[in-house]
C-alpha atoms as a PDB file:
ATOM      1  CA  MET A   1     -22.598  11.000  -5.805  1.00  0.00           C
ATOM      2  CA  PRO A   2     -19.579  11.831  -3.617  1.00  0.00           C
ATOM      3  CA  CYS A   3     -17.317   9.302  -1.931  1.00  0.00           C
ATOM      4  CA  PHE A   4     -14.554   9.059   0.670  1.00  0.00           C
ATOM      5  CA  ILE A   5     -11.098   8.096  -0.607  1.00  0.00           C
ATOM      6  CA  TYR A   6      -8.584   7.035   2.050  1.00  0.00           C
ATOM      7  CA  ILE A   7      -4.927   7.104   0.937  1.00  0.00           C
ATOM      8  CA  ASN A   8      -2.664   5.296   3.400  1.00  0.00           C
ATOM      9  CA  GLY A   9       1.070   4.582   3.346  1.00  0.00           C
ATOM     10  CA  TYR A  10       4.472   5.138   4.899  1.00  0.00           C
ATOM     11  CA  PRO A  11       6.003   8.628   4.872  1.00  0.00           C
ATOM     12  CA  GLY A  12       7.619   9.415   1.531  1.00  0.00           C
ATOM     13  CA  VAL A  13       5.319   7.386  -0.720  1.00  0.00           C
ATOM     14  CA  GLY A  14       3.642  10.490  -2.173  1.00  0.00           C
ATOM     15  CA  LYS A  15       0.295  10.574  -0.385  1.00  0.00           C
ATOM     16  CA  LEU A  16      -0.282  14.328  -0.308  1.00  0.00           C
ATOM     17  CA  THR A  17       1.055  14.953  -3.808  1.00  0.00           C
ATOM     18  CA  VAL A  18      -1.153  12.233  -5.244  1.00  0.00           C
ATOM     19  CA  ALA A  19      -4.150  13.387  -3.200  1.00  0.00           C
ATOM     20  CA  ASN A  20      -3.810  16.926  -4.547  1.00  0.00           C
ATOM     21  CA  ALA A  21      -3.511  15.636  -8.113  1.00  0.00           C
ATOM     22  CA  LEU A  22      -6.576  13.450  -7.595  1.00  0.00           C
ATOM     23  CA  SER A  23      -8.524  16.395  -6.206  1.00  0.00           C
ATOM     24  CA  ASN A  24      -7.886  18.221  -9.484  1.00  0.00           C
ATOM     25  CA  LEU A  25      -9.789  15.434 -11.245  1.00  0.00           C
ATOM     26  CA  ILE A  26     -12.825  15.444  -8.974  1.00  0.00           C
ATOM     27  CA  PRO A  27     -14.952  18.594  -8.720  1.00  0.00           C
ATOM     28  CA  ARG A  28     -16.237  19.495  -5.262  1.00  0.00           C
ATOM     29  CA  SER A  29     -13.512  17.399  -3.655  1.00  0.00           C
ATOM     30  CA  ARG A  30     -11.458  18.320  -0.614  1.00  0.00           C
ATOM     31  CA  VAL A  31      -8.100  16.967   0.582  1.00  0.00           C
ATOM     32  CA  PHE A  32      -8.025  16.348   4.332  1.00  0.00           C
ATOM     33  CA  HIS A  33      -4.434  15.324   5.006  1.00  0.00           C
ATOM     34  CA  ASN A  34      -3.331  13.748   8.273  1.00  0.00           C
ATOM     35  CA  HIS A  35      -1.255  16.736   9.382  1.00  0.00           C
ATOM     36  CA  LEU A  36      -4.439  18.769   9.765  1.00  0.00           C
ATOM     37  CA  VAL A  37      -4.899  16.610  12.875  1.00  0.00           C
ATOM     38  CA  ILE A  38      -1.257  16.016  13.814  1.00  0.00           C
ATOM     39  CA  ASP A  39      -0.069  19.624  13.785  1.00  0.00           C
ATOM     40  CA  PRO A  40      -2.701  21.142  16.119  1.00  0.00           C
ATOM     41  CA  VAL A  41      -2.038  18.363  18.615  1.00  0.00           C
ATOM     42  CA  ALA A  42       1.735  18.837  18.305  1.00  0.00           C
ATOM     43  CA  ALA A  43       1.254  22.544  19.051  1.00  0.00           C
ATOM     44  CA  MET A  44      -0.216  21.601  22.431  1.00  0.00           C
ATOM     45  CA  LEU A  45       1.636  18.434  23.394  1.00  0.00           C
ATOM     46  CA  ASP A  46       4.804  16.784  22.141  1.00  0.00           C
ATOM     47  CA  ARG A  47       4.527  13.118  21.279  1.00  0.00           C
ATOM     48  CA  ASP A  48       7.403  12.330  23.667  1.00  0.00           C
ATOM     49  CA  ASP A  49       6.598  14.918  26.347  1.00  0.00           C
ATOM     50  CA  ALA A  50       8.112  13.525  29.549  1.00  0.00           C
ATOM     51  CA  ASP A  51       5.631  15.477  31.665  1.00  0.00           C
ATOM     52  CA  ALA A  52       2.579  14.065  29.910  1.00  0.00           C
ATOM     53  CA  ASP A  53       0.661  11.038  31.088  1.00  0.00           C
ATOM     54  CA  ALA A  54       1.282   7.902  29.083  1.00  0.00           C
ATOM     55  CA  GLY A  55      -0.988   7.890  26.051  1.00  0.00           C
ATOM     56  CA  ALA A  56      -2.013  11.545  26.417  1.00  0.00           C
ATOM     57  CA  TYR A  57      -0.748  12.449  22.953  1.00  0.00           C
ATOM     58  CA  ASN A  58      -2.638   9.598  21.309  1.00  0.00           C
ATOM     59  CA  ASP A  59      -5.772  10.389  23.310  1.00  0.00           C
ATOM     60  CA  LEU A  60      -5.692  14.014  22.200  1.00  0.00           C
ATOM     61  CA  ARG A  61      -5.019  13.095  18.598  1.00  0.00           C
ATOM     62  CA  THR A  62      -7.867  10.574  18.649  1.00  0.00           C
ATOM     63  CA  SER A  63     -10.242  13.223  19.986  1.00  0.00           C
ATOM     64  CA  PHE A  64      -9.269  15.657  17.221  1.00  0.00           C
ATOM     65  CA  ARG A  65      -9.671  12.989  14.539  1.00  0.00           C
ATOM     66  CA  LYS A  66     -13.072  11.823  15.743  1.00  0.00           C
ATOM     67  CA  HIS A  67     -14.349  15.399  16.022  1.00  0.00           C
ATOM     68  CA  ALA A  68     -13.209  16.212  12.481  1.00  0.00           C
ATOM     69  CA  LEU A  69     -14.665  13.027  11.021  1.00  0.00           C
ATOM     70  CA  ASP A  70     -17.941  13.588  12.854  1.00  0.00           C
ATOM     71  CA  ALA A  71     -18.255  17.032  11.259  1.00  0.00           C
ATOM     72  CA  ILE A  72     -17.311  15.720   7.819  1.00  0.00           C
ATOM     73  CA  ALA A  73     -19.799  12.867   8.091  1.00  0.00           C
ATOM     74  CA  THR A  74     -22.766  14.847   9.391  1.00  0.00           C
ATOM     75  CA  HIS A  75     -22.611  18.527   8.438  1.00  0.00           C
ATOM     76  CA  PRO A  76     -25.163  19.338   5.690  1.00  0.00           C
ATOM     77  CA  ALA A  77     -22.820  21.812   3.983  1.00  0.00           C
ATOM     78  CA  LEU A  78     -20.411  18.950   3.213  1.00  0.00           C
ATOM     79  CA  ALA A  79     -22.975  16.490   1.872  1.00  0.00           C
ATOM     80  CA  ASP A  80     -21.981  16.982  -1.782  1.00  0.00           C
ATOM     81  CA  LYS A  81     -18.229  16.897  -1.199  1.00  0.00           C
ATOM     82  CA  THR A  82     -15.862  14.054  -2.012  1.00  0.00           C
ATOM     83  CA  PHE A  83     -13.201  13.841   0.693  1.00  0.00           C
ATOM     84  CA  ILE A  84      -9.706  12.564  -0.029  1.00  0.00           C
ATOM     85  CA  PHE A  85      -7.937  11.623   3.195  1.00  0.00           C
ATOM     86  CA  THR A  86      -4.246  10.871   3.661  1.00  0.00           C
ATOM     87  CA  ASP A  87      -2.846   8.867   6.542  1.00  0.00           C
ATOM     88  CA  ALA A  88       0.119   6.770   7.681  1.00  0.00           C
ATOM     89  CA  ARG A  89      -1.512   4.073   9.770  1.00  0.00           C
ATOM     90  CA  GLU A  90       0.005   0.769  10.789  1.00  0.00           C
ATOM     91  CA  SER A  91      -1.852  -2.475  11.402  1.00  0.00           C
ATOM     92  CA  GLY A  92      -1.615  -2.306  15.219  1.00  0.00           C
ATOM     93  CA  PRO A  93      -4.592  -1.496  17.466  1.00  0.00           C
ATOM     94  CA  LEU A  94      -4.205   2.306  17.337  1.00  0.00           C
ATOM     95  CA  GLY A  95      -3.537   2.410  13.618  1.00  0.00           C
ATOM     96  CA  SER A  96      -6.330   0.074  12.623  1.00  0.00           C
ATOM     97  CA  GLU A  97      -8.820   1.944  14.811  1.00  0.00           C
ATOM     98  CA  ALA A  98      -7.876   5.252  13.197  1.00  0.00           C
ATOM     99  CA  ALA A  99      -8.194   3.834   9.691  1.00  0.00           C
ATOM    100  CA  ARG A 100     -11.563   2.259  10.433  1.00  0.00           C
ATOM    101  CA  ASP A 101     -12.831   5.569  11.826  1.00  0.00           C
ATOM    102  CA  HIS A 102     -12.689   6.905   8.266  1.00  0.00           C
ATOM    103  CA  LYS A 103     -14.735   3.961   6.988  1.00  0.00           C
ATOM    104  CA  THR A 104     -17.263   4.544   9.762  1.00  0.00           C
ATOM    105  CA  ALA A 105     -17.526   8.198   8.733  1.00  0.00           C
ATOM    106  CA  ALA A 106     -18.271   7.146   5.148  1.00  0.00           C
ATOM    107  CA  ASP A 107     -20.948   4.754   6.376  1.00  0.00           C
ATOM    108  CA  ARG A 108     -22.523   7.536   8.439  1.00  0.00           C
ATOM    109  CA  ARG A 109     -22.510   9.848   5.442  1.00  0.00           C
ATOM    110  CA  GLY A 110     -23.880   7.034   3.273  1.00  0.00           C
ATOM    111  CA  VAL A 111     -21.207   7.247   0.567  1.00  0.00           C
ATOM    112  CA  PRO A 112     -18.811   4.699  -0.958  1.00  0.00           C
ATOM    113  CA  PHE A 113     -15.461   4.229   0.778  1.00  0.00           C
ATOM    114  CA  VAL A 114     -12.372   3.497  -1.300  1.00  0.00           C
ATOM    115  CA  SER A 115      -9.071   2.589   0.362  1.00  0.00           C
ATOM    116  CA  VAL A 116      -5.812   3.207  -1.512  1.00  0.00           C
ATOM    117  CA  VAL A 117      -2.508   1.877  -0.166  1.00  0.00           C
ATOM    118  CA  LEU A 118       0.531   3.591  -1.670  1.00  0.00           C
ATOM    119  CA  ARG A 119       3.889   1.829  -1.675  1.00  0.00           C
ATOM    120  CA  CYS A 120       7.385   2.941  -2.621  1.00  0.00           C
ATOM    121  CA  ASP A 121      10.885   1.460  -2.429  1.00  0.00           C
ATOM    122  CA  ALA A 122      12.681   2.392   0.779  1.00  0.00           C
ATOM    123  CA  ASP A 123      15.602   4.127  -0.951  1.00  0.00           C
ATOM    124  CA  GLU A 124      13.300   6.296  -3.036  1.00  0.00           C
ATOM    125  CA  SER A 125      11.191   7.172   0.017  1.00  0.00           C
ATOM    126  CA  VAL A 126      14.304   8.270   1.914  1.00  0.00           C
ATOM    127  CA  LYS A 127      15.267  10.546  -0.992  1.00  0.00           C
ATOM    128  CA  ARG A 128      11.813  12.070  -1.067  1.00  0.00           C
ATOM    129  CA  ILE A 129      11.601  12.926   2.603  1.00  0.00           C
ATOM    130  CA  ALA A 130      15.136  14.362   2.521  1.00  0.00           C
ATOM    131  CA  SER A 131      14.008  16.714  -0.254  1.00  0.00           C
ATOM    132  CA  ARG A 132      11.447  18.249   2.107  1.00  0.00           C
ATOM    133  CA  VAL A 133      14.130  20.030   4.124  1.00  0.00           C
ATOM    134  CA  GLY A 134      14.290  23.720   3.310  1.00  0.00           C
ATOM    135  CA  VAL A 135      11.727  23.692   0.502  1.00  0.00           C
ATOM    136  CA  GLY A 136       8.697  24.904   2.445  1.00  0.00           C
ATOM    137  CA  ASP A 137       6.916  21.568   2.646  1.00  0.00           C
ATOM    138  CA  GLY A 138       5.636  22.557   6.058  1.00  0.00           C
ATOM    139  CA  VAL A 139       3.559  25.322   4.505  1.00  0.00           C
ATOM    140  CA  ALA A 140       1.402  22.749   2.754  1.00  0.00           C
ATOM    141  CA  ALA A 141       1.158  20.165   5.482  1.00  0.00           C
ATOM    142  CA  GLY A 142       2.411  21.512   8.750  1.00  0.00           C
ATOM    143  CA  ASN A 143       5.902  21.419  10.217  1.00  0.00           C
ATOM    144  CA  THR A 144       5.869  17.903  11.690  1.00  0.00           C
ATOM    145  CA  LYS A 145       6.464  15.924   8.498  1.00  0.00           C
ATOM    146  CA  LEU A 146       9.235  13.345   8.772  1.00  0.00           C
ATOM    147  CA  THR A 147      12.576  14.306   7.213  1.00  0.00           C
ATOM    148  CA  ASP A 148      14.913  11.807   8.923  1.00  0.00           C
ATOM    149  CA  GLY A 149      15.695   8.839   6.694  1.00  0.00           C
ATOM    150  CA  GLU A 150      16.946   6.653   9.546  1.00  0.00           C
ATOM    151  CA  VAL A 151      13.689   7.144  11.440  1.00  0.00           C
ATOM    152  CA  LEU A 152      11.747   6.256   8.306  1.00  0.00           C
ATOM    153  CA  LEU A 153      13.690   3.033   7.841  1.00  0.00           C
ATOM    154  CA  ARG A 154      13.024   2.053  11.457  1.00  0.00           C
ATOM    155  CA  ILE A 155       9.319   2.711  10.961  1.00  0.00           C
ATOM    156  CA  ARG A 156       9.247   0.601   7.818  1.00  0.00           C
ATOM    157  CA  ASP A 157      11.137  -2.179   9.583  1.00  0.00           C
ATOM    158  CA  LYS A 158       8.849  -2.294  12.622  1.00  0.00           C
ATOM    159  CA  GLU A 159       5.416  -1.421  11.249  1.00  0.00           C
ATOM    160  CA  THR A 160       3.144  -2.854   8.582  1.00  0.00           C
ATOM    161  CA  ILE A 161       0.733  -0.484   6.869  1.00  0.00           C
ATOM    162  CA  PHE A 162      -2.911  -1.207   7.631  1.00  0.00           C
ATOM    163  CA  GLN A 163      -5.057  -2.621   4.839  1.00  0.00           C
ATOM    164  CA  PHE A 164      -8.819  -3.124   4.807  1.00  0.00           C
ATOM    165  CA  GLY A 165      -8.484  -6.077   2.457  1.00  0.00           C
ATOM    166  CA  ASP A 166     -11.851  -5.557   0.772  1.00  0.00           C
ATOM    167  CA  GLU A 167     -12.670  -5.534  -2.935  1.00  0.00           C
ATOM    168  CA  ASN A 168     -12.752  -1.734  -3.050  1.00  0.00           C
ATOM    169  CA  GLU A 169      -9.120  -1.428  -1.940  1.00  0.00           C
ATOM    170  CA  MET A 170      -6.323  -0.546  -4.350  1.00  0.00           C
ATOM    171  CA  CYS A 171      -2.566  -1.007  -3.826  1.00  0.00           C
ATOM    172  CA  LEU A 172      -0.309   1.174  -5.951  1.00  0.00           C
ATOM    173  CA  ASP A 173       3.492   1.361  -6.205  1.00  0.00           C
ATOM    174  CA  THR A 174       4.662   4.946  -6.755  1.00  0.00           C
ATOM    175  CA  THR A 175       8.411   4.264  -6.906  1.00  0.00           C
ATOM    176  CA  SER A 176       8.661   5.309 -10.554  1.00  0.00           C
ATOM    177  CA  LEU A 177       5.169   6.708 -11.056  1.00  0.00           C
ATOM    178  CA  GLY A 178       4.335  10.390 -11.506  1.00  0.00           C
ATOM    179  CA  SER A 179       1.699  11.974  -9.302  1.00  0.00           C
ATOM    180  CA  GLU A 180      -0.772  12.595 -12.148  1.00  0.00           C
ATOM    181  CA  ASP A 181      -0.255   9.046 -13.391  1.00  0.00           C
ATOM    182  CA  ALA A 182      -1.050   7.732  -9.919  1.00  0.00           C
ATOM    183  CA  ALA A 183      -4.064  10.030  -9.605  1.00  0.00           C
ATOM    184  CA  HIS A 184      -5.355   8.870 -12.981  1.00  0.00           C
ATOM    185  CA  LEU A 185      -5.098   5.211 -11.936  1.00  0.00           C
ATOM    186  CA  ILE A 186      -6.939   5.915  -8.687  1.00  0.00           C
ATOM    187  CA  PHE A 187      -9.539   7.858 -10.665  1.00  0.00           C
ATOM    188  CA  GLN A 188     -10.123   4.814 -12.865  1.00  0.00           C
ATOM    189  CA  HIS A 189     -10.297   2.541  -9.840  1.00  0.00           C
ATOM    190  CA  VAL A 190     -12.936   4.727  -8.164  1.00  0.00           C
ATOM    191  CA  ASN A 191     -15.032   4.570 -11.329  1.00  0.00           C
ATOM    192  CA  ALA A 192     -14.686   0.784 -11.308  1.00  0.00           C
ATOM    193  CA  VAL A 193     -15.911   0.703  -7.708  1.00  0.00           C
ATOM    194  CA  TYR A 194     -18.939   2.754  -8.725  1.00  0.00           C
ATOM    195  CA  SER A 195     -19.646   0.300 -11.528  1.00  0.00           C
ATOM    196  CA  ARG A 196     -19.483  -2.648  -9.143  1.00  0.00           C
ATOM    197  CA  LEU A 197     -21.843  -0.879  -6.785  1.00  0.00           C
ATOM    198  CA  ASP A 198     -24.224  -0.349  -9.714  1.00  0.00           C
ATOM    199  CA  LYS A 199     -23.963   3.405  -9.339  1.00  0.00           C
ATOM    200  CA  ASP A 200     -24.045   5.937 -12.135  1.00  0.00           C
ATOM    201  CA  SER A 201     -20.344   6.762 -12.355  1.00  0.00           C
ATOM    202  CA  ARG A 202     -21.169  10.049 -14.018  1.00  0.00           C
ATOM    203  CA  SER A 203     -22.794  11.220 -10.786  1.00  0.00           C
ATOM    204  CA  LEU A 204     -19.311  11.650  -9.316  1.00  0.00           C
ATOM    205  CA  CYS A 205     -18.788  14.396 -11.931  1.00  0.00           C
ATOM    206  CA  LEU A 206     -15.237  13.346 -12.711  1.00  0.00           C
ATOM    207  CA  VAL A 207     -13.276  15.204 -15.346  1.00  0.00           C
ATOM    208  CA  SER A 208     -13.626  14.301 -18.994  1.00  0.00           C
ATOM    209  CA  ALA A 209     -11.300  12.035 -20.910  1.00  0.00           C
ATOM    210  CA  ALA A 210     -10.203  15.050 -22.952  1.00  0.00           C
ATOM    211  CA  LYS A 211      -8.970  16.827 -19.841  1.00  0.00           C
ATOM    212  CA  LEU A 212      -7.171  13.695 -18.677  1.00  0.00           C
ATOM    213  CA  HIS A 213      -5.430  13.513 -22.037  1.00  0.00           C
ATOM    214  CA  ARG A 214      -4.142  17.053 -21.588  1.00  0.00           C
ATOM    215  CA  LEU A 215      -2.632  16.365 -18.173  1.00  0.00           C
ATOM    216  CA  ASN A 216       1.137  16.255 -17.799  1.00  0.00           C
ATOM    217  CA  LEU A 217       1.769  12.656 -16.781  1.00  0.00           C
ATOM    218  CA  THR A 218       5.524  12.823 -16.303  1.00  0.00           C
ATOM    219  CA  ARG A 219       6.019  14.858 -13.119  1.00  0.00           C
ATOM    220  CA  ARG A 220       7.845  12.995 -10.384  1.00  0.00           C
ATOM    221  CA  ILE A 221       6.352  12.741  -6.933  1.00  0.00           C
ATOM    222  CA  PRO A 222       8.302  14.861  -4.410  1.00  0.00           C
ATOM    223  CA  ASP A 223       6.299  13.905  -1.315  1.00  0.00           C
END
């Protein structure tokens, strides 16, 4: 049985890197990172466009997100896919609505929803986003990813990352954790959720313990 995994956290905590590593452990899984919504909107309207009506950027981004989630939740061709989402949503009204839209999509699809909140020390996060400059990060996740450490620190100071606060949620510190290590821990957590829900965990078709043993668990997270 597939599921929806929602990885949320500040920029620089390793969301996309961990999501890609997790996807390698789950057959028929797809990573739907947040820049697949952000970048098309940014191509049409700047977030701070002085000529735009107040809220136009957020309205357009909301429309894109809801359309994508509607397709993911309802299209028959996607019924057997596990989706791994990444996001950077705060606990304010806009952020909490966006996060809950993913839970609603899982409910519509009729699959388990697992929230993962990634955390990382501020200094390490600043180093990670600085490493994006000039290394082609935009190829993997658009060209709007944050690279300014001062902006990141302001975001972390002003905003609190949204949490669902339910028993299926996992919080994970990636400050000194490799991406495959983090993916393995999330993998185990998802299996535990399946056990609590009295599901057959094998129906998720996760990789074998032998393959997990062969994984390189020392690579640092660059994202």
